N, C-alpha and C. Protein backbone atom coordinates (compact mmCIF):
# COMPACT_ATOMS: atom_id res chain seq x y z
N MET A 1 0.84 -1.18 0.00
CA MET A 1 0.00 0.00 0.00
C MET A 1 0.88 1.24 0.00
N ILE A 2 0.48 2.23 -0.73
CA ILE A 2 1.21 3.51 -0.77
C ILE A 2 0.34 4.56 -0.09
N ALA A 3 0.92 5.23 0.87
CA ALA A 3 0.19 6.27 1.61
C ALA A 3 -0.20 7.41 0.67
N ASP A 4 -1.38 7.97 0.90
CA ASP A 4 -1.85 9.08 0.07
C ASP A 4 -0.87 10.25 0.07
N LYS A 5 -0.25 10.52 1.20
CA LYS A 5 0.70 11.65 1.26
C LYS A 5 1.92 11.38 0.38
N ASP A 6 2.35 10.12 0.30
CA ASP A 6 3.47 9.77 -0.57
C ASP A 6 3.06 9.88 -2.04
N LEU A 7 1.88 9.41 -2.35
CA LEU A 7 1.38 9.51 -3.72
C LEU A 7 1.27 10.98 -4.13
N GLU A 8 0.81 11.82 -3.23
CA GLU A 8 0.70 13.25 -3.51
C GLU A 8 2.07 13.87 -3.75
N MET A 9 3.08 13.44 -2.99
CA MET A 9 4.44 13.96 -3.20
C MET A 9 4.99 13.54 -4.56
N ILE A 10 4.68 12.33 -4.97
CA ILE A 10 5.11 11.84 -6.28
C ILE A 10 4.45 12.66 -7.39
N LEU A 11 3.15 12.89 -7.25
CA LEU A 11 2.43 13.69 -8.24
C LEU A 11 2.94 15.13 -8.26
N GLU A 12 3.24 15.66 -7.10
CA GLU A 12 3.76 17.03 -7.01
C GLU A 12 5.11 17.14 -7.71
N ALA A 13 5.95 16.13 -7.58
CA ALA A 13 7.22 16.12 -8.30
C ALA A 13 6.98 16.17 -9.80
N GLY A 14 5.94 15.49 -10.26
CA GLY A 14 5.58 15.55 -11.67
C GLY A 14 5.10 16.93 -12.07
N ARG A 15 4.29 17.54 -11.24
CA ARG A 15 3.75 18.86 -11.56
C ARG A 15 4.84 19.92 -11.69
N TRP A 16 5.91 19.78 -10.94
CA TRP A 16 6.99 20.76 -10.95
C TRP A 16 8.03 20.50 -12.04
N THR A 17 7.83 19.48 -12.84
CA THR A 17 8.79 19.15 -13.89
C THR A 17 8.81 20.23 -14.97
N PRO A 18 9.99 20.66 -15.38
CA PRO A 18 10.05 21.63 -16.47
C PRO A 18 9.62 20.99 -17.79
N SER A 19 9.10 21.82 -18.67
CA SER A 19 8.70 21.35 -19.99
C SER A 19 9.00 22.43 -21.02
N ALA A 20 9.10 22.03 -22.27
CA ALA A 20 9.37 22.98 -23.34
C ALA A 20 8.27 24.04 -23.38
N SER A 21 8.67 25.29 -23.36
CA SER A 21 7.74 26.44 -23.38
C SER A 21 6.76 26.40 -22.21
N ASN A 22 7.08 25.65 -21.19
CA ASN A 22 6.21 25.46 -20.01
C ASN A 22 4.80 25.03 -20.40
N LYS A 23 4.70 24.22 -21.44
CA LYS A 23 3.38 23.75 -21.92
C LYS A 23 2.78 22.70 -20.98
N GLN A 24 3.62 21.97 -20.28
CA GLN A 24 3.18 20.88 -19.41
C GLN A 24 2.13 19.99 -20.11
N PRO A 25 2.54 19.37 -21.22
CA PRO A 25 1.60 18.61 -22.04
C PRO A 25 1.34 17.20 -21.51
N TRP A 26 0.81 17.11 -20.31
CA TRP A 26 0.57 15.80 -19.70
C TRP A 26 -0.63 15.82 -18.79
N GLU A 27 -1.14 14.63 -18.56
CA GLU A 27 -2.16 14.39 -17.53
C GLU A 27 -1.75 13.12 -16.82
N PHE A 28 -2.11 13.03 -15.55
CA PHE A 28 -1.82 11.84 -14.76
C PHE A 28 -3.13 11.12 -14.47
N ILE A 29 -3.14 9.82 -14.67
CA ILE A 29 -4.29 8.99 -14.32
C ILE A 29 -3.82 8.01 -13.25
N ILE A 30 -4.45 8.09 -12.09
CA ILE A 30 -4.10 7.22 -10.96
C ILE A 30 -4.97 5.98 -11.04
N ILE A 31 -4.34 4.82 -11.02
CA ILE A 31 -5.08 3.55 -11.11
C ILE A 31 -4.82 2.75 -9.84
N LYS A 32 -5.87 2.57 -9.05
CA LYS A 32 -5.77 1.77 -7.82
C LYS A 32 -6.66 0.53 -7.87
N ASN A 33 -7.55 0.47 -8.84
CA ASN A 33 -8.50 -0.63 -8.95
C ASN A 33 -7.76 -1.92 -9.30
N LYS A 34 -7.81 -2.90 -8.40
CA LYS A 34 -7.07 -4.15 -8.56
C LYS A 34 -7.50 -4.92 -9.82
N GLU A 35 -8.78 -4.92 -10.12
CA GLU A 35 -9.26 -5.62 -11.31
C GLU A 35 -8.69 -4.98 -12.57
N PHE A 36 -8.66 -3.65 -12.58
CA PHE A 36 -8.12 -2.95 -13.74
C PHE A 36 -6.62 -3.18 -13.87
N LEU A 37 -5.91 -3.18 -12.74
CA LEU A 37 -4.48 -3.46 -12.77
C LEU A 37 -4.22 -4.88 -13.28
N LYS A 38 -5.10 -5.81 -12.92
CA LYS A 38 -4.97 -7.18 -13.41
C LYS A 38 -5.17 -7.22 -14.93
N LYS A 39 -6.15 -6.48 -15.42
CA LYS A 39 -6.39 -6.43 -16.87
C LYS A 39 -5.20 -5.83 -17.60
N ILE A 40 -4.62 -4.81 -17.02
CA ILE A 40 -3.41 -4.22 -17.62
C ILE A 40 -2.31 -5.27 -17.68
N SER A 41 -2.15 -6.03 -16.60
CA SER A 41 -1.07 -7.03 -16.54
C SER A 41 -1.26 -8.13 -17.58
N GLU A 42 -2.48 -8.37 -17.98
CA GLU A 42 -2.76 -9.41 -18.96
C GLU A 42 -2.72 -8.88 -20.39
N SER A 43 -2.58 -7.58 -20.56
CA SER A 43 -2.71 -6.98 -21.89
C SER A 43 -1.41 -6.95 -22.70
N ALA A 44 -0.27 -7.08 -22.05
CA ALA A 44 0.99 -7.00 -22.78
C ALA A 44 2.02 -7.94 -22.16
N ILE A 45 2.94 -8.37 -22.97
CA ILE A 45 3.95 -9.33 -22.54
C ILE A 45 4.74 -8.85 -21.32
N TYR A 46 5.16 -7.60 -21.35
CA TYR A 46 6.05 -7.09 -20.31
C TYR A 46 5.34 -6.38 -19.16
N SER A 47 4.06 -6.62 -19.00
CA SER A 47 3.33 -5.94 -17.92
C SER A 47 2.73 -6.92 -16.91
N LYS A 48 3.20 -8.13 -16.89
CA LYS A 48 2.66 -9.15 -15.98
C LYS A 48 2.74 -8.74 -14.51
N PHE A 49 3.78 -8.00 -14.15
CA PHE A 49 4.00 -7.57 -12.77
C PHE A 49 2.94 -6.57 -12.29
N MET A 50 2.22 -5.95 -13.19
CA MET A 50 1.26 -4.90 -12.82
C MET A 50 0.17 -5.40 -11.88
N LYS A 51 -0.16 -6.68 -11.96
CA LYS A 51 -1.23 -7.19 -11.09
C LYS A 51 -0.84 -7.15 -9.62
N ARG A 52 0.46 -7.04 -9.32
CA ARG A 52 0.91 -6.96 -7.93
C ARG A 52 1.14 -5.53 -7.45
N ALA A 53 1.02 -4.58 -8.35
CA ALA A 53 1.28 -3.17 -7.99
C ALA A 53 0.13 -2.60 -7.17
N PRO A 54 0.44 -1.84 -6.13
CA PRO A 54 -0.62 -1.22 -5.34
C PRO A 54 -1.27 -0.04 -6.06
N VAL A 55 -0.53 0.56 -6.97
CA VAL A 55 -1.04 1.71 -7.72
C VAL A 55 -0.22 1.86 -9.00
N ALA A 56 -0.84 2.40 -10.02
CA ALA A 56 -0.13 2.75 -11.25
C ALA A 56 -0.49 4.18 -11.60
N ILE A 57 0.45 4.87 -12.17
CA ILE A 57 0.20 6.23 -12.64
C ILE A 57 0.45 6.23 -14.14
N ALA A 58 -0.61 6.46 -14.89
CA ALA A 58 -0.48 6.58 -16.34
C ALA A 58 -0.18 8.04 -16.66
N ILE A 59 0.90 8.27 -17.36
CA ILE A 59 1.26 9.62 -17.78
C ILE A 59 0.86 9.74 -19.24
N VAL A 60 -0.12 10.56 -19.49
CA VAL A 60 -0.68 10.71 -20.84
C VAL A 60 -0.17 12.00 -21.45
N GLY A 61 0.53 11.87 -22.58
CA GLY A 61 1.04 13.05 -23.27
C GLY A 61 -0.03 13.68 -24.14
N LYS A 62 -0.12 14.98 -24.09
CA LYS A 62 -1.07 15.73 -24.93
C LYS A 62 -0.33 16.19 -26.19
N ILE A 63 -0.47 15.43 -27.24
CA ILE A 63 0.26 15.68 -28.47
C ILE A 63 -0.03 17.07 -29.02
N LYS A 64 -1.28 17.48 -29.01
CA LYS A 64 -1.65 18.78 -29.59
C LYS A 64 -1.08 19.96 -28.81
N GLU A 65 -0.83 19.77 -27.53
CA GLU A 65 -0.29 20.85 -26.70
C GLU A 65 1.12 21.25 -27.14
N ASN A 66 1.92 20.26 -27.49
CA ASN A 66 3.30 20.53 -27.88
C ASN A 66 3.81 19.36 -28.73
N PRO A 67 3.40 19.31 -30.00
CA PRO A 67 3.69 18.15 -30.84
C PRO A 67 5.17 17.84 -31.02
N ASN A 68 6.02 18.83 -30.91
CA ASN A 68 7.45 18.60 -31.13
C ASN A 68 8.19 18.10 -29.90
N TRP A 69 7.63 18.33 -28.72
CA TRP A 69 8.38 18.05 -27.50
C TRP A 69 7.63 17.22 -26.45
N TYR A 70 6.41 16.80 -26.73
CA TYR A 70 5.65 16.10 -25.68
C TYR A 70 6.32 14.81 -25.22
N ILE A 71 7.02 14.12 -26.11
CA ILE A 71 7.69 12.88 -25.71
C ILE A 71 8.80 13.17 -24.70
N GLN A 72 9.62 14.16 -24.99
CA GLN A 72 10.69 14.52 -24.06
C GLN A 72 10.10 15.03 -22.75
N ASP A 73 9.04 15.85 -22.85
CA ASP A 73 8.42 16.40 -21.64
C ASP A 73 7.84 15.31 -20.75
N THR A 74 7.13 14.36 -21.33
CA THR A 74 6.54 13.30 -20.50
C THR A 74 7.61 12.35 -19.97
N THR A 75 8.71 12.21 -20.70
CA THR A 75 9.83 11.41 -20.20
C THR A 75 10.43 12.07 -18.96
N LEU A 76 10.60 13.39 -19.01
CA LEU A 76 11.11 14.12 -17.84
C LEU A 76 10.17 13.97 -16.65
N VAL A 77 8.87 14.06 -16.91
CA VAL A 77 7.88 13.90 -15.83
C VAL A 77 8.03 12.54 -15.17
N SER A 78 8.12 11.50 -15.99
CA SER A 78 8.22 10.16 -15.40
C SER A 78 9.50 10.02 -14.58
N MET A 79 10.59 10.60 -15.06
CA MET A 79 11.84 10.51 -14.31
C MET A 79 11.75 11.24 -12.97
N ASN A 80 11.18 12.44 -12.98
CA ASN A 80 11.03 13.17 -11.71
C ASN A 80 10.16 12.40 -10.73
N MET A 81 9.08 11.81 -11.23
CA MET A 81 8.18 11.06 -10.35
C MET A 81 8.86 9.80 -9.83
N MET A 82 9.64 9.15 -10.68
CA MET A 82 10.34 7.95 -10.24
C MET A 82 11.40 8.29 -9.18
N LEU A 83 12.11 9.38 -9.39
CA LEU A 83 13.11 9.79 -8.40
C LEU A 83 12.48 10.10 -7.05
N MET A 84 11.34 10.78 -7.07
CA MET A 84 10.64 11.08 -5.82
C MET A 84 10.19 9.78 -5.15
N ALA A 85 9.61 8.88 -5.93
CA ALA A 85 9.15 7.61 -5.36
C ALA A 85 10.31 6.86 -4.71
N TRP A 86 11.41 6.75 -5.40
CA TRP A 86 12.57 6.03 -4.84
C TRP A 86 13.09 6.72 -3.59
N SER A 87 13.04 8.06 -3.57
CA SER A 87 13.50 8.77 -2.36
C SER A 87 12.60 8.49 -1.17
N LEU A 88 11.36 8.09 -1.44
CA LEU A 88 10.41 7.73 -0.39
C LEU A 88 10.45 6.23 -0.06
N GLY A 89 11.35 5.50 -0.73
CA GLY A 89 11.45 4.06 -0.50
C GLY A 89 10.43 3.25 -1.27
N ILE A 90 9.90 3.83 -2.34
CA ILE A 90 8.88 3.17 -3.15
C ILE A 90 9.51 2.81 -4.49
N GLY A 91 9.49 1.53 -4.83
CA GLY A 91 10.05 1.08 -6.10
C GLY A 91 9.16 1.47 -7.27
N THR A 92 9.77 1.60 -8.43
CA THR A 92 9.02 1.99 -9.63
C THR A 92 9.49 1.16 -10.82
N CYS A 93 8.79 1.33 -11.91
CA CYS A 93 9.22 0.74 -13.18
C CYS A 93 8.79 1.68 -14.29
N TRP A 94 9.34 1.47 -15.43
CA TRP A 94 9.09 2.31 -16.59
C TRP A 94 8.15 1.57 -17.50
């Protein structure tokens, strides 16, 4: 289980991530539903571990917001969030 305060700190690290032209072309979707996490784990070869995760954060890039840089921007977001999680003793994956 991940404490709500820890999850909020992880999300806050994402919110403070720099982005090209400060467009912040992303949205975060928090997934805690065990059945949905199980479905995700069954949907792709390399996602089998997802059924054991207490929470998943989907980082959705908004292509129209910044078509040239959204990939780099969302990559930076994921890295900041992963670093915060690890600093809190919470393991992550890409």
